């Protein structure tokens, strides 16, 4: 059984998405990637559970098969 929440649970998801895009405005691709890496590590630290993080990586990798 999956412990990864795939249903939308973020309060004000549109506002969060707009904020996420805005923080990337005017950044170079390299700076944007570095910001994403820092954000991922901060959020992973909040999750804390190594098994959940592994499951999230697997879920994200599956999603990348259909991207682009």
N, C-alpha and C. Protein backbone atom coordinates (compact mmCIF):
# COMPACT_ATOMS: atom_id res chain seq x y z
N UNK A 1 0.84 -1.18 0.00
CA UNK A 1 0.00 0.00 0.00
C UNK A 1 0.89 1.25 0.00
N UNK A 2 0.56 2.16 -0.86
CA UNK A 2 1.34 3.38 -1.01
C UNK A 2 1.12 4.34 0.16
N UNK A 3 2.22 4.95 0.61
CA UNK A 3 2.13 5.97 1.65
C UNK A 3 2.26 7.37 1.04
N UNK A 4 2.35 7.42 -0.27
CA UNK A 4 2.51 8.69 -0.97
C UNK A 4 1.14 9.25 -1.31
N UNK A 5 0.90 10.49 -0.89
CA UNK A 5 -0.35 11.17 -1.22
C UNK A 5 -0.25 11.69 -2.65
N UNK A 6 -1.07 11.15 -3.53
CA UNK A 6 -1.07 11.63 -4.91
C UNK A 6 -2.27 12.52 -5.19
N UNK A 7 -3.24 12.52 -4.30
CA UNK A 7 -4.39 13.42 -4.42
C UNK A 7 -3.95 14.80 -3.92
N UNK A 8 -4.49 15.84 -4.51
CA UNK A 8 -4.14 17.21 -4.15
C UNK A 8 -4.55 17.51 -2.71
N UNK A 9 -3.58 17.91 -1.90
CA UNK A 9 -3.86 18.25 -0.50
C UNK A 9 -3.36 19.62 -0.11
N UNK A 10 -2.73 20.34 -1.03
CA UNK A 10 -2.16 21.66 -0.75
C UNK A 10 -3.28 22.69 -0.67
N UNK A 11 -3.28 23.47 0.42
CA UNK A 11 -4.21 24.59 0.50
C UNK A 11 -3.78 25.63 -0.52
N UNK A 12 -4.71 26.18 -1.28
CA UNK A 12 -4.44 27.19 -2.30
C UNK A 12 -3.36 26.73 -3.28
N UNK A 13 -3.60 25.63 -3.98
CA UNK A 13 -2.59 25.11 -4.90
C UNK A 13 -2.22 26.08 -6.02
N UNK A 14 -3.20 26.84 -6.51
CA UNK A 14 -2.90 27.81 -7.57
C UNK A 14 -1.97 28.90 -7.05
N UNK A 15 -2.21 29.35 -5.82
CA UNK A 15 -1.35 30.36 -5.22
C UNK A 15 0.05 29.84 -5.00
N UNK A 16 0.16 28.59 -4.54
CA UNK A 16 1.48 27.99 -4.36
C UNK A 16 2.22 27.87 -5.69
N UNK A 17 1.50 27.43 -6.72
CA UNK A 17 2.12 27.28 -8.04
C UNK A 17 2.61 28.63 -8.56
N UNK A 18 1.79 29.66 -8.39
CA UNK A 18 2.20 31.00 -8.82
C UNK A 18 3.43 31.46 -8.05
N UNK A 19 3.47 31.20 -6.74
CA UNK A 19 4.63 31.56 -5.93
C UNK A 19 5.87 30.79 -6.37
N UNK A 20 5.70 29.51 -6.67
CA UNK A 20 6.81 28.69 -7.14
C UNK A 20 7.37 29.23 -8.46
N UNK A 21 6.48 29.58 -9.39
CA UNK A 21 6.94 30.15 -10.65
C UNK A 21 7.63 31.49 -10.45
N UNK A 22 7.06 32.32 -9.57
CA UNK A 22 7.62 33.66 -9.34
C UNK A 22 9.02 33.60 -8.76
N UNK A 23 9.28 32.64 -7.88
CA UNK A 23 10.60 32.54 -7.27
C UNK A 23 11.66 32.15 -8.31
N UNK A 24 11.22 31.57 -9.43
CA UNK A 24 12.13 31.19 -10.50
C UNK A 24 12.32 32.30 -11.54
N UNK A 25 11.48 33.33 -11.50
CA UNK A 25 11.59 34.42 -12.48
C UNK A 25 12.99 34.99 -12.49
N UNK A 26 13.50 35.21 -13.67
CA UNK A 26 14.80 35.86 -13.91
C UNK A 26 15.99 35.01 -13.47
N UNK A 27 15.77 33.76 -13.08
CA UNK A 27 16.89 32.89 -12.74
C UNK A 27 17.42 32.21 -14.00
N UNK A 28 18.70 31.99 -14.04
CA UNK A 28 19.28 31.19 -15.11
C UNK A 28 18.82 29.75 -14.93
N UNK A 29 18.93 28.93 -15.98
CA UNK A 29 18.57 27.51 -15.81
C UNK A 29 19.36 26.84 -14.68
N UNK A 30 20.61 27.20 -14.54
CA UNK A 30 21.45 26.61 -13.48
C UNK A 30 20.97 27.05 -12.09
N UNK A 31 20.67 28.33 -11.94
CA UNK A 31 20.19 28.84 -10.66
C UNK A 31 18.81 28.26 -10.32
N UNK A 32 17.98 28.09 -11.34
CA UNK A 32 16.66 27.49 -11.14
C UNK A 32 16.79 26.04 -10.68
N UNK A 33 17.69 25.30 -11.31
CA UNK A 33 17.92 23.90 -10.90
C UNK A 33 18.45 23.84 -9.48
N UNK A 34 19.34 24.76 -9.12
CA UNK A 34 19.89 24.78 -7.76
C UNK A 34 18.80 25.12 -6.75
N UNK A 35 17.92 26.06 -7.09
CA UNK A 35 16.81 26.39 -6.20
C UNK A 35 15.91 25.16 -6.01
N UNK A 36 15.61 24.46 -7.10
CA UNK A 36 14.78 23.25 -7.00
C UNK A 36 15.44 22.21 -6.12
N UNK A 37 16.74 22.04 -6.26
CA UNK A 37 17.46 21.06 -5.43
C UNK A 37 17.37 21.43 -3.95
N UNK A 38 17.56 22.71 -3.63
CA UNK A 38 17.46 23.14 -2.23
C UNK A 38 16.04 22.93 -1.71
N UNK A 39 15.04 23.26 -2.52
CA UNK A 39 13.65 23.07 -2.12
C UNK A 39 13.34 21.60 -1.87
N UNK A 40 13.79 20.74 -2.76
CA UNK A 40 13.58 19.30 -2.59
C UNK A 40 14.19 18.81 -1.28
N UNK A 41 15.42 19.24 -1.00
CA UNK A 41 16.07 18.79 0.24
C UNK A 41 15.37 19.33 1.48
N UNK A 42 14.90 20.57 1.44
CA UNK A 42 14.14 21.12 2.57
C UNK A 42 12.85 20.34 2.80
N UNK A 43 12.12 20.07 1.72
CA UNK A 43 10.86 19.34 1.85
C UNK A 43 11.11 17.89 2.26
N UNK A 44 12.17 17.27 1.75
CA UNK A 44 12.50 15.90 2.15
C UNK A 44 12.81 15.85 3.63
N UNK A 45 13.48 16.85 4.13
CA UNK A 45 13.77 16.92 5.56
C UNK A 45 12.48 17.02 6.38
N UNK A 46 11.49 17.73 5.85
CA UNK A 46 10.21 17.83 6.54
C UNK A 46 9.48 16.49 6.59
N UNK A 47 9.57 15.73 5.49
CA UNK A 47 8.95 14.40 5.44
C UNK A 47 9.67 13.48 6.43
N UNK A 48 10.98 13.42 6.31
CA UNK A 48 11.80 12.71 7.27
C UNK A 48 11.83 11.19 7.16
N UNK A 49 10.77 10.57 6.73
CA UNK A 49 10.69 9.12 6.67
C UNK A 49 11.38 8.62 5.41
N UNK A 50 12.49 7.90 5.58
CA UNK A 50 13.31 7.46 4.45
C UNK A 50 12.54 6.57 3.49
N UNK A 51 11.69 5.69 4.02
CA UNK A 51 10.90 4.81 3.15
C UNK A 51 9.92 5.61 2.31
N UNK A 52 9.30 6.60 2.90
CA UNK A 52 8.36 7.46 2.16
C UNK A 52 9.11 8.23 1.08
N UNK A 53 10.31 8.72 1.41
CA UNK A 53 11.10 9.45 0.43
C UNK A 53 11.49 8.55 -0.75
N UNK A 54 11.85 7.31 -0.48
CA UNK A 54 12.16 6.36 -1.55
C UNK A 54 10.95 6.11 -2.43
N UNK A 55 9.80 5.96 -1.80
CA UNK A 55 8.57 5.74 -2.56
C UNK A 55 8.24 6.97 -3.42
N UNK A 56 8.47 8.15 -2.87
CA UNK A 56 8.23 9.38 -3.63
C UNK A 56 9.16 9.46 -4.84
N UNK A 57 10.42 9.09 -4.66
CA UNK A 57 11.35 9.07 -5.79
C UNK A 57 10.87 8.12 -6.88
N UNK A 58 10.42 6.96 -6.47
CA UNK A 58 9.92 5.97 -7.45
C UNK A 58 8.69 6.50 -8.18
N UNK A 59 7.78 7.12 -7.44
CA UNK A 59 6.57 7.68 -8.04
C UNK A 59 6.91 8.79 -9.02
N UNK A 60 7.83 9.66 -8.64
CA UNK A 60 8.25 10.76 -9.51
C UNK A 60 8.93 10.23 -10.77
N UNK A 61 9.74 9.19 -10.62
CA UNK A 61 10.42 8.60 -11.77
C UNK A 61 9.41 7.98 -12.74
N UNK A 62 8.38 7.35 -12.22
CA UNK A 62 7.33 6.80 -13.09
C UNK A 62 6.66 7.91 -13.87
N UNK A 63 6.41 9.03 -13.22
CA UNK A 63 5.78 10.17 -13.88
C UNK A 63 6.65 10.76 -14.96
N UNK A 64 7.97 10.62 -14.84
CA UNK A 64 8.87 11.20 -15.83
C UNK A 64 8.82 10.44 -17.16
N UNK A 65 8.29 9.22 -17.13
CA UNK A 65 8.18 8.44 -18.37
C UNK A 65 7.21 9.08 -19.37
N UNK A 66 6.25 9.86 -18.85
CA UNK A 66 5.25 10.46 -19.72
C UNK A 66 5.51 11.94 -19.96
N UNK A 67 6.50 12.52 -19.29
CA UNK A 67 6.78 13.94 -19.44
C UNK A 67 7.60 14.19 -20.69
N UNK A 68 7.33 15.34 -21.30
CA UNK A 68 8.13 15.80 -22.44
C UNK A 68 7.97 14.93 -23.61
